[in-house]
């Protein structure tokens, strides 16, 4: 049987009545932007993360972009970021006119704290940690570095909804936690959506202005803002999904553990979990020297996979002007050539999991 990389419909079907009820409630309300549904979700999500404030936005990229803007980061400033992240993290930096300063990852794919100090300059205005694939970065070391140098820490939590380090949920460590609720995320909406969480009241107020044309009061614009508002329909649907997030994460963990226990091919390097961290398995990423051959083989066998991500930002055409030749960040480039994401979705059957494992184990270089 053919196995897709992802399926989204089962999560809707599992709680269809609740989603339908929430959607119809919004439609019947006659109020679709900046209303009670958004307020309710913001309060619930802030409480879930363990922060004082949540500001709903149009997307995860907007969360990163407006988060930096609210902190006053702009031209002439530098932001330290891991080189192996998805390009959206870097786009948010350059969109504000700042310069990304890349740092290699550690063995868990998070930014390597041991490499950060050598990247700090007088222009460094933030350190951005990306909890890639659903696994937290080393937040103890990053928090200590942030405090030591007086440099704000920003978390890109686009892939880490519900992940935790030493019992604290990602998004609660830094000055800002930036989330995407794109449909494929563990806490996915039914369209584009995002949010920022923070304990800083001033930052929260700035963000609410920025998302709404720069105004607190309609037609009275205090700053140059944008239109980036999490709408009432998505907020109501996210409220339903958040209620079921723990069961979603438990199921994904069960699938990941099945893979870990049943894939035995010596040519495959399985993912590992950082000590004292909760991995929420947004992606199940393996490594192999024969990645492209393996992907083609699996495709021929009816198993769809994806590469996260084949081109590191520093080698992309978009950032060619930064002048980084191949070999500038060898660990990141090695990851880009070796990693492959296997199918992992809620509603996956044991037969599908078994087929993936048996097919991967049958692979020979």
Protein backbone atom coordinates (compact mmCIF):
# COMPACT_ATOMS: atom_id res chain seq x y z
CA UNK A 1 0.00 0.00 0.00
CA UNK A 2 1.10 3.56 -0.65
CA UNK A 3 2.06 5.54 2.45
CA UNK A 4 2.00 9.36 2.18
CA UNK A 5 4.37 11.53 4.14
CA UNK A 6 1.48 13.12 6.02
CA UNK A 7 -2.29 12.96 6.39
CA UNK A 8 -4.24 15.80 7.98
CA UNK A 9 -7.83 14.60 7.64
CA UNK A 10 -7.74 11.99 10.46
CA UNK A 11 -7.20 14.67 13.10
CA UNK A 12 -10.26 16.51 11.89
CA UNK A 13 -12.37 13.37 11.68
CA UNK A 14 -11.42 12.30 15.20
CA UNK A 15 -13.12 15.35 16.73
CA UNK A 16 -15.24 16.43 13.80
CA UNK A 17 -18.27 17.45 15.85
CA UNK A 18 -16.20 19.79 18.04
CA UNK A 19 -14.55 21.47 15.05
CA UNK A 20 -17.85 21.85 13.23
CA UNK A 21 -19.50 23.31 16.31
CA UNK A 22 -16.67 25.83 16.78
CA UNK A 23 -16.72 26.89 13.12
CA UNK A 24 -20.50 27.31 13.03
CA UNK A 25 -20.39 29.29 16.28
CA UNK A 26 -18.00 31.77 14.70
CA UNK A 27 -19.94 31.99 11.46
CA UNK A 28 -23.16 32.67 13.32
CA UNK A 29 -21.57 35.28 15.58
CA UNK A 30 -21.15 37.89 12.85
CA UNK A 31 -17.75 38.87 14.32
CA UNK A 32 -14.72 37.48 12.49
CA UNK A 33 -11.59 39.49 13.42
CA UNK A 34 -10.17 40.53 16.83
CA UNK A 35 -13.02 39.20 18.91
CA UNK A 36 -13.82 36.93 21.84
CA UNK A 37 -12.59 33.72 20.18
CA UNK A 38 -9.11 35.20 19.76
CA UNK A 39 -9.08 36.52 23.32
CA UNK A 40 -10.07 33.11 24.64
CA UNK A 41 -7.40 31.30 22.65
CA UNK A 42 -4.71 33.80 23.61
CA UNK A 43 -5.49 33.35 27.29
CA UNK A 44 -5.61 29.57 27.05
CA UNK A 45 -2.42 29.26 25.01
CA UNK A 46 -0.47 31.64 27.28
CA UNK A 47 -1.56 29.56 30.26
CA UNK A 48 -0.55 26.35 28.49
CA UNK A 49 2.94 27.67 27.74
CA UNK A 50 3.31 29.27 31.16
CA UNK A 51 3.60 32.89 30.08
CA UNK A 52 1.57 35.98 30.92
CA UNK A 53 0.65 37.05 27.39
CA UNK A 54 -0.09 35.63 23.96
CA UNK A 55 -0.59 37.67 20.79
CA UNK A 56 -2.26 35.87 17.88
CA UNK A 57 -0.86 36.61 14.43
CA UNK A 58 -1.28 35.61 10.81
CA UNK A 59 1.64 33.18 10.59
CA UNK A 60 4.79 31.87 12.21
CA UNK A 61 6.94 34.02 9.92
CA UNK A 62 5.01 37.09 11.02
CA UNK A 63 5.58 36.04 14.63
CA UNK A 64 9.35 35.95 14.10
CA UNK A 65 9.40 39.16 12.03
CA UNK A 66 7.19 41.24 14.31
CA UNK A 67 8.87 39.81 17.40
CA UNK A 68 12.23 41.17 16.27
CA UNK A 69 10.64 44.47 15.26
CA UNK A 70 8.96 44.88 18.64
CA UNK A 71 12.37 44.44 20.27
CA UNK A 72 13.77 47.28 18.18
CA UNK A 73 16.07 45.11 16.07
CA UNK A 74 16.88 46.62 12.68
CA UNK A 75 19.60 47.78 10.27
CA UNK A 76 23.13 47.47 11.67
CA UNK A 77 22.11 44.85 14.22
CA UNK A 78 23.09 41.18 14.25
CA UNK A 79 21.07 38.16 15.33
CA UNK A 80 22.79 34.87 16.08
CA UNK A 81 20.90 31.90 14.63
CA UNK A 82 21.64 28.27 13.90
CA UNK A 83 22.74 27.59 10.34
CA UNK A 84 20.60 24.45 9.89
CA UNK A 85 17.22 26.10 10.45
CA UNK A 86 14.38 26.52 7.97
CA UNK A 87 14.83 29.72 5.99
CA UNK A 88 11.81 31.44 7.63
CA UNK A 89 13.87 32.03 10.77
CA UNK A 90 16.49 33.85 8.74
CA UNK A 91 13.97 35.73 6.60
CA UNK A 92 12.56 37.34 9.74
CA UNK A 93 16.02 38.72 10.54
CA UNK A 94 16.71 40.14 7.09
CA UNK A 95 13.14 41.46 6.76
CA UNK A 96 13.99 43.81 9.63
CA UNK A 97 17.21 44.91 7.97
CA UNK A 98 19.38 43.03 10.48
CA UNK A 99 22.15 40.56 9.64
CA UNK A 100 21.98 36.84 10.45
CA UNK A 101 25.10 35.43 12.10
CA UNK A 102 25.12 31.67 11.65
CA UNK A 103 26.25 29.13 14.23
CA UNK A 104 26.56 25.38 13.74
CA UNK A 105 24.18 22.94 15.52
CA UNK A 106 24.94 20.45 18.26
CA UNK A 107 24.35 16.70 17.92
CA UNK A 108 20.62 17.15 18.64
CA UNK A 109 20.17 19.62 15.72
CA UNK A 110 19.72 22.62 18.04
CA UNK A 111 21.99 25.66 18.12
CA UNK A 112 25.31 24.77 19.79
CA UNK A 113 25.79 26.96 22.90
CA UNK A 114 29.53 26.24 22.85
CA UNK A 115 29.86 28.09 19.53
CA UNK A 116 27.81 31.17 20.38
CA UNK A 117 30.28 33.28 22.38
CA UNK A 118 32.76 33.46 19.50
CA UNK A 119 29.95 34.82 17.30
CA UNK A 120 28.98 37.64 19.67
CA UNK A 121 29.96 41.17 18.67
CA UNK A 122 28.98 44.65 19.86
CA UNK A 123 26.23 44.55 17.23
CA UNK A 124 24.63 41.35 18.55
CA UNK A 125 21.08 42.16 19.63
CA UNK A 126 19.53 38.69 20.03
CA UNK A 127 20.18 34.96 20.06
CA UNK A 128 17.53 32.95 18.23
CA UNK A 129 17.13 29.29 19.21
CA UNK A 130 15.13 26.99 16.91
CA UNK A 131 13.59 23.89 18.47
CA UNK A 132 13.96 21.88 15.29
CA UNK A 133 11.92 18.75 14.48
CA UNK A 134 10.05 18.96 17.82
CA UNK A 135 13.06 18.80 20.15
CA UNK A 136 14.13 21.57 22.57
CA UNK A 137 17.52 23.22 22.36
CA UNK A 138 19.86 23.20 25.37
CA UNK A 139 17.88 25.88 27.17
CA UNK A 140 19.93 25.77 30.36
CA UNK A 141 23.12 26.77 28.55
CA UNK A 142 21.34 29.25 26.27
CA UNK A 143 19.61 30.97 29.17
CA UNK A 144 22.92 31.25 31.01
CA UNK A 145 24.59 32.77 27.93
CA UNK A 146 21.73 35.22 27.47
CA UNK A 147 22.00 36.39 31.07
CA UNK A 148 25.81 36.51 31.07
CA UNK A 149 25.99 38.80 28.03
CA UNK A 150 22.72 40.65 28.49
CA UNK A 151 21.52 39.52 25.06
CA UNK A 152 17.82 38.65 24.67
CA UNK A 153 16.93 35.07 23.79
CA UNK A 154 14.18 34.46 21.23
CA UNK A 155 12.68 31.01 20.69
CA UNK A 156 11.46 29.78 17.32
CA UNK A 157 8.87 27.23 18.46
CA UNK A 158 7.31 26.58 15.05
CA UNK A 159 7.96 22.83 15.41
CA UNK A 160 7.89 22.35 19.18
CA UNK A 161 4.33 22.75 20.48
CA UNK A 162 4.27 21.03 23.87
CA UNK A 163 7.97 20.14 23.89
CA UNK A 164 9.74 20.80 27.17
CA UNK A 165 13.17 21.02 28.76
CA UNK A 166 13.47 20.17 32.43
CA UNK A 167 9.70 20.40 32.77
CA UNK A 168 9.32 23.88 31.22
CA UNK A 169 7.56 24.17 27.87
CA UNK A 170 9.35 25.73 24.91
CA UNK A 171 8.35 29.33 24.45
CA UNK A 172 8.60 30.08 28.17
CA UNK A 173 12.39 30.53 28.36
CA UNK A 174 13.16 33.55 26.20
CA UNK A 175 11.97 37.12 25.91
CA UNK A 176 9.65 35.89 23.17
CA UNK A 177 8.39 32.50 21.99
CA UNK A 178 7.30 32.49 18.33
CA UNK A 179 4.85 29.85 17.09
CA UNK A 180 3.49 28.71 13.76
CA UNK A 181 0.13 26.94 13.59
CA UNK A 182 0.49 25.89 9.96
CA UNK A 183 -1.79 22.88 9.32
CA UNK A 184 1.06 20.34 9.41
CA UNK A 185 2.23 21.40 12.87
CA UNK A 186 1.38 19.31 15.93
CA UNK A 187 -0.89 22.17 16.98
CA UNK A 188 -2.09 22.96 13.48
CA UNK A 189 -4.81 25.34 12.36
CA UNK A 190 -6.87 24.95 9.19
CA UNK A 191 -4.91 27.63 7.34
CA UNK A 192 -2.06 30.02 8.11
CA UNK A 193 -1.85 31.13 11.74
CA UNK A 194 0.76 32.04 14.35
CA UNK A 195 1.36 33.62 17.74
CA UNK A 196 3.93 35.08 20.11
CA UNK A 197 4.06 34.39 23.84
CA UNK A 198 5.89 36.57 26.36
CA UNK A 199 5.99 37.68 29.99
CA UNK A 200 6.78 41.25 28.93
CA UNK A 201 3.68 43.44 29.03
CA UNK A 202 5.33 46.24 27.04
CA UNK A 203 6.35 43.85 24.25
CA UNK A 204 2.86 42.33 24.17
CA UNK A 205 1.30 45.80 23.78
CA UNK A 206 3.76 46.67 20.98
CA UNK A 207 2.93 43.45 19.19
CA UNK A 208 -0.80 44.08 19.42
CA UNK A 209 -0.21 47.48 17.82
CA UNK A 210 2.09 46.13 15.13
CA UNK A 211 -0.36 43.40 14.08
CA UNK A 212 -3.18 45.94 13.65
CA UNK A 213 -1.71 48.68 11.43
CA UNK A 214 0.22 50.16 14.35
CA UNK A 215 -2.86 51.26 16.27
CA UNK A 216 -4.37 50.63 19.70
CA UNK A 217 -7.47 52.63 18.76
CA UNK A 218 -8.98 52.40 15.28
CA UNK A 219 -7.68 55.08 12.90
CA UNK A 220 -5.15 56.38 15.47
CA UNK A 221 -1.85 54.93 14.30
CA UNK A 222 1.11 55.26 16.66
CA UNK A 223 3.68 53.27 14.65
CA UNK A 224 4.02 51.83 11.16
CA UNK A 225 2.41 48.44 11.58
CA UNK A 226 1.05 45.65 9.39
CA UNK A 227 -2.08 43.57 9.03
CA UNK A 228 -1.29 40.29 10.78
CA UNK A 229 -4.21 39.09 12.84
CA UNK A 230 -5.17 35.56 13.88
CA UNK A 231 -8.81 35.47 12.78
CA UNK A 232 -11.75 34.31 14.89
CA UNK A 233 -12.33 31.11 12.93
CA UNK A 234 -8.76 29.85 13.25
CA UNK A 235 -8.67 30.87 16.93
CA UNK A 236 -11.81 28.84 17.66
CA UNK A 237 -10.51 25.79 15.78
CA UNK A 238 -7.13 26.03 17.53
CA UNK A 239 -8.89 26.13 20.87
CA UNK A 240 -10.40 22.73 20.04
CA UNK A 241 -7.09 21.28 18.89
CA UNK A 242 -5.24 22.62 21.92
CA UNK A 243 -7.68 20.75 24.14
CA UNK A 244 -6.59 17.52 22.45
CA UNK A 245 -2.89 18.35 22.02
CA UNK A 246 -1.65 15.92 24.67
CA UNK A 247 -3.35 12.96 23.02
CA UNK A 248 -1.94 14.12 19.66
CA UNK A 249 1.57 14.22 21.11
CA UNK A 250 1.19 10.85 22.84
CA UNK A 251 0.20 9.21 19.55
CA UNK A 252 3.15 10.76 17.72
CA UNK A 253 5.48 9.53 20.46
CA UNK A 254 4.07 6.02 20.09
CA UNK A 255 4.81 6.06 16.36
CA UNK A 256 8.32 7.42 16.92
CA UNK A 257 9.04 4.75 19.53
CA UNK A 258 7.82 2.06 17.12
CA UNK A 259 10.32 3.31 14.55
CA UNK A 260 13.09 3.45 17.13
CA UNK A 261 12.41 -0.14 18.21
CA UNK A 262 11.91 -1.69 14.77
CA UNK A 263 14.37 0.02 12.39
CA UNK A 264 17.59 -1.96 12.69
CA UNK A 265 19.40 -1.19 9.42
CA UNK A 266 23.06 -0.41 10.22
CA UNK A 267 23.13 2.14 7.38
CA UNK A 268 20.56 4.26 9.21
CA UNK A 269 21.30 6.62 12.10
CA UNK A 270 18.19 7.06 14.24
CA UNK A 271 17.38 10.33 16.04
CA UNK A 272 18.26 10.77 19.69
CA UNK A 273 16.55 12.77 22.40
CA UNK A 274 18.35 15.39 24.46
CA UNK A 275 18.61 14.41 28.16
CA UNK A 276 15.85 15.97 30.30
CA UNK A 277 13.93 17.01 27.19
CA UNK A 278 10.54 16.01 25.88
CA UNK A 279 10.66 15.45 22.13
CA UNK A 280 7.22 15.90 20.52
CA UNK A 281 8.16 14.41 17.13
CA UNK A 282 6.98 17.01 14.69
CA UNK A 283 9.31 15.12 12.37
CA UNK A 284 11.10 11.77 12.54
CA UNK A 285 14.47 12.51 10.95
CA UNK A 286 17.02 9.82 10.17
CA UNK A 287 20.53 10.16 8.71
CA UNK A 288 22.33 8.07 6.12
CA UNK A 289 25.26 8.52 3.77
CA UNK A 290 23.02 7.26 0.96
CA UNK A 291 20.11 9.64 1.56
CA UNK A 292 19.13 10.31 -2.06
CA UNK A 293 19.37 6.64 -2.97
CA UNK A 294 17.25 5.71 0.04
CA UNK A 295 14.63 8.31 -0.77
CA UNK A 296 14.35 7.07 -4.35
CA UNK A 297 14.12 3.47 -3.14
CA UNK A 298 11.36 4.28 -0.68
CA UNK A 299 9.47 6.23 -3.34
CA UNK A 300 9.62 3.20 -5.64
CA UNK A 301 8.19 1.14 -2.77
CA UNK A 302 5.29 3.55 -2.32
CA UNK A 303 6.61 5.38 0.76
CA UNK A 304 6.73 9.15 0.56
CA UNK A 305 9.46 11.01 2.45
CA UNK A 306 10.71 14.59 2.65
CA UNK A 307 14.03 16.34 3.20
CA UNK A 308 14.14 18.97 5.95
CA UNK A 309 16.05 20.84 4.49
CA UNK A 310 18.05 20.21 1.30
CA UNK A 311 19.57 23.71 0.99
CA UNK A 312 20.86 25.52 4.12
CA UNK A 313 19.94 29.23 4.18
CA UNK A 314 23.56 30.35 3.83
CA UNK A 315 23.83 28.45 0.52
CA UNK A 316 20.44 29.52 -0.83
CA UNK A 317 20.20 31.93 -3.73
CA UNK A 318 18.25 34.27 -1.45
CA UNK A 319 21.35 34.78 0.72
CA UNK A 320 24.05 34.57 -1.94
CA UNK A 321 24.83 38.23 -1.20
CA UNK A 322 26.22 37.21 2.22
CA UNK A 323 29.05 35.51 0.37
CA UNK A 324 29.21 32.13 2.10
CA UNK A 325 30.83 29.48 -0.13
CA UNK A 326 30.13 25.79 0.26
CA UNK A 327 32.10 24.49 3.22
CA UNK A 328 31.42 27.55 5.39
CA UNK A 329 29.30 25.52 7.81
CA UNK A 330 30.32 21.88 7.29
CA UNK A 331 28.12 20.34 10.01
CA UNK A 332 25.04 22.06 8.66
CA UNK A 333 25.89 21.10 5.10
CA UNK A 334 26.48 17.49 6.15
CA UNK A 335 23.03 17.40 7.77
CA UNK A 336 21.46 18.82 4.60
CA UNK A 337 23.00 15.99 2.55
CA UNK A 338 22.26 13.14 4.96
CA UNK A 339 18.88 13.67 6.63
CA UNK A 340 15.53 12.22 5.57
CA UNK A 341 12.15 12.56 7.28
CA UNK A 342 10.01 9.42 7.41
CA UNK A 343 6.20 9.45 7.40
CA UNK A 344 4.73 10.27 10.81
CA UNK A 345 1.13 11.41 11.18
CA UNK A 346 -1.74 11.01 13.58
CA UNK A 347 -3.97 8.17 12.48
CA UNK A 348 -1.06 6.10 11.17
CA UNK A 349 -1.82 2.39 11.49
CA UNK A 350 0.51 -0.25 12.89
CA UNK A 351 0.48 -1.88 9.46
CA UNK A 352 1.75 1.35 7.91
CA UNK A 353 4.43 1.73 10.56
CA UNK A 354 5.50 -1.88 10.06
CA UNK A 355 5.70 -1.42 6.30
CA UNK A 356 7.93 1.64 6.70
CA UNK A 357 10.26 -0.18 9.09
CA UNK A 358 10.49 -3.35 7.00
CA UNK A 359 11.13 -1.36 3.83
CA UNK A 360 13.83 0.78 5.44
CA UNK A 361 15.48 -2.33 6.88
CA UNK A 362 15.48 -4.00 3.46
CA UNK A 363 17.44 -1.10 1.96
CA UNK A 364 20.97 -1.94 0.85
CA UNK A 365 23.52 0.52 -0.44
